Amino acid sequence: MKHYLCVCKAEGVEPNKPMSGVLNVRTTPEYHYKLSVISKREKQSLNKIVNEAIQFFIAEKGVRVEGK
């Protein structure tokens, strides 16, 4: 981490802020219900189902994070 901050400073680049990994999502009751049905059917947590959906979305959009 210290090296990363030194490189950013040397290059005059603002370092990325770390994320907590906690994201509160507001959706419609219908989407919430449908995700719950999928979660129960797949015997996976709602959190895992939502993370899979996020992974698909990110892959489709082609977002790449530098250094990851």
Protein backbone atom coordinates (compact mmCIF):
# COMPACT_ATOMS: atom_id res chain seq x y z
CA MET A 1 0.00 0.00 0.00
CA LYS A 2 2.80 2.38 0.87
CA HIS A 3 4.45 1.70 -2.51
CA TYR A 4 1.15 2.35 -4.28
CA LEU A 5 0.76 5.71 -2.53
CA CYS A 6 4.36 6.68 -3.35
CA VAL A 7 3.84 5.83 -7.03
CA CYS A 8 0.62 7.85 -7.13
CA LYS A 9 2.35 10.83 -5.53
CA ALA A 10 5.33 10.60 -7.91
CA GLU A 11 3.03 10.44 -10.92
CA GLY A 12 0.70 13.14 -9.65
CA VAL A 13 -2.26 10.77 -9.65
CA GLU A 14 -5.03 10.73 -7.05
CA PRO A 15 -5.07 7.30 -5.34
CA ASN A 16 -8.25 5.24 -5.52
CA LYS A 17 -10.28 5.30 -2.34
CA PRO A 18 -10.80 1.86 -0.80
CA MET A 19 -14.36 0.57 -0.83
CA SER A 20 -15.97 -1.18 2.13
CA GLY A 21 -17.79 -3.77 0.04
CA VAL A 22 -21.10 -2.80 1.62
CA LEU A 23 -23.68 -1.58 -0.87
CA ASN A 24 -27.31 -0.91 0.00
CA VAL A 25 -29.48 -1.38 -3.07
CA ARG A 26 -32.97 0.02 -3.50
CA THR A 27 -35.16 -1.87 -5.93
CA THR A 28 -38.81 -2.53 -6.57
CA PRO A 29 -40.76 -4.97 -4.41
CA GLU A 30 -41.28 -7.09 -7.55
CA TYR A 31 -37.52 -7.41 -8.24
CA HIS A 32 -36.90 -8.12 -4.55
CA TYR A 33 -39.50 -10.88 -4.62
CA LYS A 34 -38.14 -12.41 -7.83
CA LEU A 35 -34.58 -12.40 -6.47
CA SER A 36 -35.87 -14.06 -3.30
CA VAL A 37 -37.58 -16.80 -5.35
CA ILE A 38 -34.36 -17.43 -7.29
CA SER A 39 -32.38 -17.46 -4.05
CA LYS A 40 -34.62 -20.12 -2.52
CA ARG A 41 -34.76 -22.18 -5.71
CA GLU A 42 -30.97 -22.15 -6.08
CA LYS A 43 -30.44 -22.68 -2.31
CA GLN A 44 -28.10 -19.69 -2.26
CA SER A 45 -28.17 -16.53 -0.21
CA LEU A 46 -29.77 -13.43 -1.66
CA ASN A 47 -26.39 -11.75 -1.29
CA LYS A 48 -24.72 -14.41 -3.48
CA ILE A 49 -27.46 -14.09 -6.12
CA VAL A 50 -27.07 -10.30 -6.24
CA ASN A 51 -23.27 -10.60 -6.44
CA GLU A 52 -23.59 -13.00 -9.38
CA ALA A 53 -25.85 -10.48 -11.13
CA ILE A 54 -23.29 -7.74 -10.48
CA GLN A 55 -20.50 -9.93 -11.88
CA PHE A 56 -22.49 -10.55 -15.08
CA PHE A 57 -23.23 -6.83 -15.43
CA ILE A 58 -19.58 -5.85 -14.97
CA ALA A 59 -18.41 -8.51 -17.44
CA GLU A 60 -20.97 -7.34 -20.01
CA LYS A 61 -19.90 -3.71 -19.65
CA GLY A 62 -16.23 -4.65 -19.95
CA VAL A 63 -15.05 -2.70 -16.91
CA ARG A 64 -11.46 -3.38 -15.96
CA VAL A 65 -9.91 -2.03 -12.78
CA GLU A 66 -6.26 -1.05 -13.11
CA GLY A 67 -3.97 -3.07 -10.87
CA LYS A 68 -6.54 -5.80 -10.22
